[in-house]
């Protein structure tokens, strides 16, 4: 029996990794980095606080992954996702807009409508289809033609 099969059998019936677990691991890494920043400074107590927070969060994340109480871990993840959706509503849209190579998004100065414009380098005159306002848009990063 191989190592992968042994791990698979060990994890059977356990909760595993989810979005809240990923958030906890990232938070643990942030506290670990902050503790490293304050380690050799006169603020030794700050180092200890960040180190303790890092350790506690890391242990809790491992506990969640190995837990067999699936209902409670699912409820925790749902609460985290609800909290994240309430405080970061436009993150996915913002990220998709920034990664788009062909278009960029601009707001109309008069009616605040969101316009999708071609990403062609240079100065362009455009017209809002909603209110008819004409305005100039500068594109710095884009294709040449």
N, C-alpha and C. Protein backbone atom coordinates (compact mmCIF):
# COMPACT_ATOMS: atom_id res chain seq x y z
N UNK A 1 0.85 -1.17 0.00
CA UNK A 1 0.00 0.00 0.00
C UNK A 1 0.90 1.24 0.00
N UNK A 2 0.57 2.21 -0.86
CA UNK A 2 1.39 3.39 -1.01
C UNK A 2 1.04 4.47 0.01
N UNK A 3 1.85 5.50 0.01
CA UNK A 3 1.67 6.62 0.93
C UNK A 3 0.36 7.36 0.66
N UNK A 4 0.06 7.57 -0.60
CA UNK A 4 -1.17 8.30 -0.96
C UNK A 4 -2.40 7.54 -0.47
N UNK A 5 -2.40 6.25 -0.65
CA UNK A 5 -3.54 5.44 -0.20
C UNK A 5 -3.65 5.46 1.33
N UNK A 6 -2.53 5.45 2.02
CA UNK A 6 -2.55 5.53 3.49
C UNK A 6 -3.13 6.86 3.96
N UNK A 7 -2.74 7.94 3.31
CA UNK A 7 -3.28 9.26 3.67
C UNK A 7 -4.76 9.32 3.35
N UNK A 8 -5.16 8.77 2.22
CA UNK A 8 -6.57 8.76 1.83
C UNK A 8 -7.42 7.99 2.85
N UNK A 9 -6.91 6.85 3.30
CA UNK A 9 -7.65 6.07 4.31
C UNK A 9 -7.70 6.80 5.65
N UNK A 10 -6.60 7.48 6.02
CA UNK A 10 -6.58 8.23 7.27
C UNK A 10 -7.59 9.38 7.24
N UNK A 11 -7.69 10.06 6.10
CA UNK A 11 -8.57 11.23 5.99
C UNK A 11 -10.03 10.87 5.75
N UNK A 12 -10.33 9.61 5.51
CA UNK A 12 -11.71 9.21 5.27
C UNK A 12 -12.57 9.52 6.51
N UNK A 13 -13.65 10.25 6.29
CA UNK A 13 -14.55 10.63 7.38
C UNK A 13 -14.14 11.90 8.10
N UNK A 14 -13.04 12.50 7.68
CA UNK A 14 -12.58 13.75 8.29
C UNK A 14 -12.99 14.91 7.39
N UNK A 15 -12.97 16.12 7.94
CA UNK A 15 -13.52 17.27 7.22
C UNK A 15 -12.65 17.70 6.04
N UNK A 16 -11.37 17.86 6.23
CA UNK A 16 -10.50 18.27 5.12
C UNK A 16 -10.33 19.78 5.03
N UNK A 17 -9.95 20.23 3.85
CA UNK A 17 -9.56 21.62 3.61
C UNK A 17 -10.71 22.36 2.93
N UNK A 18 -10.99 23.59 3.36
CA UNK A 18 -12.04 24.41 2.74
C UNK A 18 -11.59 25.87 2.70
N UNK A 19 -12.50 26.78 2.33
CA UNK A 19 -12.16 28.19 2.20
C UNK A 19 -11.77 28.81 3.54
N UNK A 20 -12.47 28.46 4.61
CA UNK A 20 -12.15 29.01 5.92
C UNK A 20 -10.78 28.49 6.38
N UNK A 21 -10.47 27.23 6.09
CA UNK A 21 -9.16 26.69 6.42
C UNK A 21 -8.06 27.40 5.66
N UNK A 22 -8.31 27.70 4.38
CA UNK A 22 -7.32 28.45 3.60
C UNK A 22 -7.09 29.83 4.20
N UNK A 23 -8.19 30.51 4.60
CA UNK A 23 -8.07 31.82 5.24
C UNK A 23 -7.27 31.73 6.53
N UNK A 24 -7.52 30.69 7.34
CA UNK A 24 -6.77 30.53 8.59
C UNK A 24 -5.28 30.32 8.33
N UNK A 25 -4.94 29.52 7.31
CA UNK A 25 -3.53 29.31 7.00
C UNK A 25 -2.86 30.60 6.52
N UNK A 26 -3.55 31.38 5.70
CA UNK A 26 -2.99 32.65 5.23
C UNK A 26 -2.82 33.61 6.41
N UNK A 27 -3.81 33.67 7.29
CA UNK A 27 -3.71 34.52 8.47
C UNK A 27 -2.55 34.08 9.37
N UNK A 28 -2.36 32.78 9.49
CA UNK A 28 -1.25 32.25 10.27
C UNK A 28 0.09 32.67 9.66
N UNK A 29 0.18 32.63 8.33
CA UNK A 29 1.42 33.06 7.67
C UNK A 29 1.67 34.55 7.88
N UNK A 30 0.62 35.35 7.88
CA UNK A 30 0.78 36.79 8.11
C UNK A 30 1.32 37.03 9.53
N UNK A 31 0.74 36.36 10.51
CA UNK A 31 1.23 36.53 11.88
C UNK A 31 2.65 35.99 12.05
N UNK A 32 2.98 34.92 11.33
CA UNK A 32 4.33 34.39 11.38
C UNK A 32 5.33 35.41 10.82
N UNK A 33 4.97 36.05 9.69
CA UNK A 33 5.85 37.06 9.10
C UNK A 33 5.99 38.27 10.03
N UNK A 34 4.89 38.69 10.65
CA UNK A 34 4.96 39.82 11.58
C UNK A 34 5.80 39.48 12.80
N UNK A 35 5.71 38.24 13.27
CA UNK A 35 6.54 37.86 14.42
C UNK A 35 8.01 37.87 14.02
N UNK A 36 8.32 37.51 12.79
CA UNK A 36 9.69 37.56 12.32
C UNK A 36 10.22 38.98 12.22
N UNK A 37 9.34 39.92 11.87
CA UNK A 37 9.75 41.31 11.77
C UNK A 37 10.12 41.86 13.15
N UNK A 38 9.34 41.50 14.16
CA UNK A 38 9.56 42.04 15.50
C UNK A 38 10.48 41.18 16.37
N UNK A 39 11.05 40.12 15.83
CA UNK A 39 11.83 39.21 16.65
C UNK A 39 13.08 39.83 17.24
N UNK A 40 13.84 40.56 16.46
CA UNK A 40 15.12 41.11 16.93
C UNK A 40 15.03 42.61 17.17
N UNK A 41 13.89 43.06 17.62
CA UNK A 41 13.72 44.47 17.96
C UNK A 41 13.52 44.59 19.47
N UNK A 42 13.56 45.80 19.98
CA UNK A 42 13.28 45.97 21.42
C UNK A 42 11.84 45.60 21.80
N UNK A 43 10.97 45.48 20.80
CA UNK A 43 9.56 45.15 21.08
C UNK A 43 9.38 43.63 21.15
N UNK A 44 10.02 43.03 22.11
CA UNK A 44 10.01 41.57 22.25
C UNK A 44 8.61 41.04 22.57
N UNK A 45 7.81 41.81 23.30
CA UNK A 45 6.46 41.35 23.65
C UNK A 45 5.56 41.29 22.42
N UNK A 46 5.75 42.21 21.49
CA UNK A 46 4.97 42.19 20.25
C UNK A 46 5.29 40.92 19.47
N UNK A 47 6.57 40.56 19.42
CA UNK A 47 6.98 39.31 18.78
C UNK A 47 6.25 38.13 19.41
N UNK A 48 6.22 38.07 20.72
CA UNK A 48 5.57 36.95 21.40
C UNK A 48 4.08 36.91 21.11
N UNK A 49 3.43 38.07 21.05
CA UNK A 49 1.98 38.11 20.76
C UNK A 49 1.71 37.56 19.35
N UNK A 50 2.48 38.03 18.36
CA UNK A 50 2.27 37.54 17.00
C UNK A 50 2.62 36.06 16.88
N UNK A 51 3.66 35.62 17.57
CA UNK A 51 4.03 34.22 17.53
C UNK A 51 2.93 33.35 18.16
N UNK A 52 2.37 33.80 19.29
CA UNK A 52 1.30 33.05 19.95
C UNK A 52 0.05 32.99 19.07
N UNK A 53 -0.31 34.12 18.45
CA UNK A 53 -1.48 34.12 17.55
C UNK A 53 -1.25 33.19 16.37
N UNK A 54 -0.04 33.23 15.80
CA UNK A 54 0.30 32.34 14.69
C UNK A 54 0.12 30.88 15.11
N UNK A 55 0.66 30.53 16.25
CA UNK A 55 0.60 29.14 16.71
C UNK A 55 -0.83 28.70 16.98
N UNK A 56 -1.62 29.53 17.65
CA UNK A 56 -3.01 29.17 17.95
C UNK A 56 -3.85 29.01 16.69
N UNK A 57 -3.70 29.92 15.75
CA UNK A 57 -4.47 29.83 14.51
C UNK A 57 -4.05 28.61 13.70
N UNK A 58 -2.77 28.33 13.66
CA UNK A 58 -2.28 27.16 12.93
C UNK A 58 -2.80 25.86 13.54
N UNK A 59 -2.77 25.78 14.85
CA UNK A 59 -3.28 24.57 15.52
C UNK A 59 -4.78 24.41 15.27
N UNK A 60 -5.53 25.51 15.31
CA UNK A 60 -6.97 25.43 15.05
C UNK A 60 -7.24 25.01 13.61
N UNK A 61 -6.45 25.49 12.66
CA UNK A 61 -6.64 25.10 11.26
C UNK A 61 -6.39 23.60 11.08
N UNK A 62 -5.35 23.09 11.70
CA UNK A 62 -5.07 21.64 11.62
C UNK A 62 -6.20 20.85 12.29
N UNK A 63 -6.68 21.34 13.43
CA UNK A 63 -7.80 20.69 14.12
C UNK A 63 -9.03 20.61 13.22
N UNK A 64 -9.32 21.71 12.50
CA UNK A 64 -10.47 21.72 11.60
C UNK A 64 -10.30 20.70 10.47
N UNK A 65 -9.09 20.60 9.92
CA UNK A 65 -8.85 19.67 8.82
C UNK A 65 -9.04 18.22 9.29
N UNK A 66 -8.60 17.91 10.49
CA UNK A 66 -8.65 16.54 10.99
C UNK A 66 -9.94 16.21 11.73
N UNK A 67 -10.84 17.17 11.87
CA UNK A 67 -12.06 16.97 12.63
C UNK A 67 -13.01 15.99 11.93
N UNK A 68 -13.73 15.21 12.74
CA UNK A 68 -14.75 14.30 12.22
C UNK A 68 -16.15 14.85 12.39
N UNK A 69 -16.28 16.02 13.01
CA UNK A 69 -17.58 16.66 13.18
C UNK A 69 -17.87 17.50 11.93
N UNK A 70 -18.37 16.83 10.89
CA UNK A 70 -18.56 17.47 9.60
C UNK A 70 -19.61 18.57 9.64
N UNK A 71 -20.67 18.37 10.40
CA UNK A 71 -21.75 19.35 10.44
C UNK A 71 -21.27 20.68 11.03
N UNK A 72 -20.51 20.60 12.12
CA UNK A 72 -20.04 21.83 12.75
C UNK A 72 -19.02 22.55 11.87
N UNK A 73 -18.10 21.81 11.23
CA UNK A 73 -17.10 22.45 10.36
C UNK A 73 -17.77 23.07 9.13
N UNK A 74 -18.81 22.43 8.60
CA UNK A 74 -19.55 22.99 7.48
C UNK A 74 -20.26 24.27 7.89
N UNK A 75 -20.83 24.28 9.09
CA UNK A 75 -21.50 25.48 9.59
C UNK A 75 -20.50 26.62 9.77
N UNK A 76 -19.30 26.33 10.29
CA UNK A 76 -18.27 27.36 10.43
C UNK A 76 -17.88 27.93 9.07
N UNK A 77 -17.71 27.04 8.08
CA UNK A 77 -17.34 27.50 6.75
C UNK A 77 -18.45 28.37 6.14
N UNK A 78 -19.70 27.98 6.34
CA UNK A 78 -20.82 28.77 5.82
C UNK A 78 -20.87 30.14 6.47
N UNK A 79 -20.62 30.23 7.78
CA UNK A 79 -20.58 31.53 8.45
C UNK A 79 -19.46 32.39 7.90
N UNK A 80 -18.29 31.79 7.65
CA UNK A 80 -17.17 32.53 7.09
C UNK A 80 -17.52 33.04 5.68
N UNK A 81 -18.12 32.18 4.85
CA UNK A 81 -18.47 32.59 3.50
C UNK A 81 -19.52 33.70 3.50
N UNK A 82 -20.47 33.62 4.43
CA UNK A 82 -21.48 34.68 4.55
C UNK A 82 -20.82 35.99 4.97
N UNK A 83 -19.91 35.95 5.92
CA UNK A 83 -19.19 37.13 6.38
C UNK A 83 -18.36 37.73 5.25
N UNK A 84 -17.67 36.87 4.51
CA UNK A 84 -16.83 37.34 3.41
C UNK A 84 -17.66 37.95 2.29
N UNK A 85 -18.80 37.36 1.98
CA UNK A 85 -19.66 37.89 0.92
C UNK A 85 -20.24 39.25 1.32
N UNK A 86 -20.46 39.45 2.61
CA UNK A 86 -21.04 40.71 3.07
C UNK A 86 -20.01 41.84 3.04
N UNK A 87 -18.76 41.54 3.34
CA UNK A 87 -17.74 42.58 3.42
C UNK A 87 -16.87 42.70 2.17
N UNK A 88 -16.86 41.70 1.31
CA UNK A 88 -16.09 41.78 0.06
C UNK A 88 -17.00 41.47 -1.13
N UNK A 89 -18.05 42.27 -1.36
CA UNK A 89 -19.02 41.89 -2.39
C UNK A 89 -18.49 41.99 -3.81
N UNK A 90 -17.66 42.97 -4.11
CA UNK A 90 -17.24 43.17 -5.49
C UNK A 90 -15.85 42.67 -5.81
N UNK A 91 -15.25 41.86 -4.95
CA UNK A 91 -13.88 41.45 -5.16
C UNK A 91 -13.69 40.65 -6.45
N UNK A 92 -14.58 39.69 -6.73
CA UNK A 92 -14.41 38.84 -7.90
C UNK A 92 -14.59 39.64 -9.18
N UNK A 93 -15.56 40.56 -9.18
CA UNK A 93 -15.78 41.40 -10.35
C UNK A 93 -14.59 42.32 -10.57
N UNK A 94 -14.07 42.91 -9.49
CA UNK A 94 -12.91 43.79 -9.57
C UNK A 94 -11.71 43.05 -10.13
N UNK A 95 -11.47 41.85 -9.65
CA UNK A 95 -10.33 41.06 -10.09
C UNK A 95 -10.47 40.67 -11.56
N UNK A 96 -11.68 40.29 -11.98
CA UNK A 96 -11.91 39.92 -13.38
C UNK A 96 -11.70 41.12 -14.30
N UNK A 97 -12.11 42.30 -13.86
CA UNK A 97 -11.91 43.50 -14.67
C UNK A 97 -10.43 43.82 -14.81
N UNK A 98 -9.66 43.67 -13.77
CA UNK A 98 -8.24 44.00 -13.82
C UNK A 98 -7.46 43.00 -14.67
N UNK A 99 -7.90 41.76 -14.74
CA UNK A 99 -7.18 40.75 -15.50
C UNK A 99 -7.58 40.71 -16.97
N UNK A 100 -8.62 41.46 -17.36
CA UNK A 100 -9.08 41.46 -18.74
C UNK A 100 -8.07 42.19 -19.61
N UNK A 101 -7.57 41.53 -20.65
CA UNK A 101 -6.54 42.11 -21.50
C UNK A 101 -7.12 42.88 -22.69
N UNK A 102 -8.35 42.59 -23.09
CA UNK A 102 -8.94 43.20 -24.28
C UNK A 102 -9.77 44.44 -23.98
N UNK A 103 -10.34 44.51 -22.80
CA UNK A 103 -11.23 45.61 -22.44
C UNK A 103 -10.82 46.22 -21.11
N UNK A 104 -11.25 47.46 -20.88
CA UNK A 104 -11.15 48.06 -19.56
C UNK A 104 -12.48 48.72 -19.26
N UNK A 105 -12.72 49.03 -18.02
CA UNK A 105 -14.01 49.53 -17.58
C UNK A 105 -13.85 50.95 -17.04
N UNK A 106 -14.76 51.80 -17.44
CA UNK A 106 -14.72 53.22 -17.07
C UNK A 106 -16.13 53.65 -16.70
N UNK A 107 -16.24 54.57 -15.75
CA UNK A 107 -17.54 55.12 -15.36
C UNK A 107 -17.81 56.40 -16.13
N UNK A 108 -19.06 56.59 -16.52
CA UNK A 108 -19.48 57.82 -17.17
C UNK A 108 -19.43 58.95 -16.14
N UNK A 109 -18.84 60.12 -16.49
CA UNK A 109 -18.75 61.20 -15.51
C UNK A 109 -20.10 61.82 -15.15
N UNK A 110 -21.12 61.65 -15.99
CA UNK A 110 -22.41 62.27 -15.72
C UNK A 110 -23.39 61.32 -15.02
N UNK A 111 -23.62 60.15 -15.62
CA UNK A 111 -24.65 59.25 -15.07
C UNK A 111 -24.07 58.09 -14.26
N UNK A 112 -22.76 57.96 -14.21
CA UNK A 112 -22.06 56.93 -13.44
C UNK A 112 -22.32 55.52 -13.97
N UNK A 113 -22.70 55.41 -15.25
CA UNK A 113 -22.87 54.09 -15.86
C UNK A 113 -21.51 53.45 -16.09
N UNK A 114 -21.44 52.15 -15.99
CA UNK A 114 -20.19 51.43 -16.18
C UNK A 114 -20.07 51.04 -17.64
N UNK A 115 -19.01 51.52 -18.30
CA UNK A 115 -18.81 51.27 -19.72
C UNK A 115 -17.64 50.32 -19.93
N UNK A 116 -17.80 49.41 -20.88
CA UNK A 116 -16.71 48.51 -21.26
C UNK A 116 -16.12 49.02 -22.56
N UNK A 117 -14.84 49.39 -22.52
CA UNK A 117 -14.19 50.00 -23.67
C UNK A 117 -13.01 49.14 -24.11
N UNK A 118 -12.71 49.18 -25.43
CA UNK A 118 -11.57 48.43 -25.96
C UNK A 118 -10.27 48.99 -25.38
N UNK A 119 -9.35 48.12 -25.10
CA UNK A 119 -8.07 48.52 -24.54
C UNK A 119 -7.07 48.76 -25.68
N UNK A 120 -7.18 49.96 -26.26
CA UNK A 120 -6.29 50.38 -27.33
C UNK A 120 -5.57 51.63 -26.86
N UNK A 121 -4.24 51.59 -26.88
CA UNK A 121 -3.44 52.67 -26.33
C UNK A 121 -3.70 54.00 -27.04
N UNK A 122 -3.77 55.08 -26.26
CA UNK A 122 -3.92 56.41 -26.83
C UNK A 122 -5.10 57.16 -26.26
N UNK A 123 -5.42 58.29 -26.90
CA UNK A 123 -6.52 59.16 -26.48
C UNK A 123 -7.74 58.84 -27.36
N UNK A 124 -8.88 58.62 -26.71
CA UNK A 124 -10.09 58.25 -27.45
C UNK A 124 -11.27 59.09 -26.97
N UNK A 125 -12.11 59.51 -27.90
CA UNK A 125 -13.36 60.17 -27.57
C UNK A 125 -14.44 59.11 -27.57
N UNK A 126 -15.22 59.08 -26.51
CA UNK A 126 -16.27 58.07 -26.40
C UNK A 126 -17.57 58.73 -25.97
N UNK A 127 -18.66 58.01 -26.18
CA UNK A 127 -20.00 58.52 -25.87
C UNK A 127 -20.72 57.48 -25.02
N UNK A 128 -21.31 57.95 -23.93
CA UNK A 128 -22.05 57.05 -23.05
C UNK A 128 -23.35 56.64 -23.75
N UNK A 129 -23.63 55.35 -23.88
CA UNK A 129 -24.86 54.93 -24.54
C UNK A 129 -26.12 55.20 -23.71
N UNK A 130 -25.95 55.42 -22.43
CA UNK A 130 -27.10 55.63 -21.56
C UNK A 130 -27.58 57.08 -21.57
N UNK A 131 -26.65 58.04 -21.40
CA UNK A 131 -27.05 59.44 -21.29
C UNK A 131 -26.57 60.29 -22.47
N UNK A 132 -25.69 59.75 -23.31
CA UNK A 132 -25.22 60.49 -24.47
C UNK A 132 -24.08 61.46 -24.20
N UNK A 133 -23.51 61.48 -23.02
CA UNK A 133 -22.40 62.37 -22.69
C UNK A 133 -21.15 61.95 -23.45
N UNK A 134 -20.49 62.93 -24.06
CA UNK A 134 -19.23 62.67 -24.75
C UNK A 134 -18.08 63.05 -23.83
N UNK A 135 -17.08 62.19 -23.73
CA UNK A 135 -15.92 62.47 -22.89
C UNK A 135 -14.70 61.78 -23.46
N UNK A 136 -13.53 62.20 -23.00
CA UNK A 136 -12.25 61.69 -23.49
C UNK A 136 -11.68 60.67 -22.50
N UNK A 137 -11.12 59.62 -23.05
CA UNK A 137 -10.53 58.56 -22.24
C UNK A 137 -9.09 58.34 -22.71
N UNK A 138 -8.17 58.28 -21.78
CA UNK A 138 -6.77 57.98 -22.07
C UNK A 138 -6.51 56.53 -21.68
N UNK A 139 -5.91 55.77 -22.59
CA UNK A 139 -5.52 54.39 -22.32
C UNK A 139 -4.00 54.33 -22.36
N UNK A 140 -3.39 54.03 -21.23
CA UNK A 140 -1.93 53.99 -21.13
C UNK A 140 -1.40 52.62 -21.48
N UNK A 141 -2.01 51.56 -20.93
CA UNK A 141 -1.55 50.20 -21.18
C UNK A 141 -2.54 49.51 -22.08
N UNK A 142 -2.08 49.06 -23.21
CA UNK A 142 -2.95 48.35 -24.15
C UNK A 142 -2.22 48.09 -25.44
N UNK A 143 -2.97 47.57 -26.43
CA UNK A 143 -2.37 47.30 -27.74
C UNK A 143 -2.23 48.60 -28.51
N UNK A 144 -1.37 48.60 -29.51
CA UNK A 144 -1.08 49.82 -30.26
C UNK A 144 -2.14 50.16 -31.29
N UNK A 145 -2.89 49.20 -31.77
CA UNK A 145 -3.87 49.53 -32.80
C UNK A 145 -5.25 49.06 -32.48
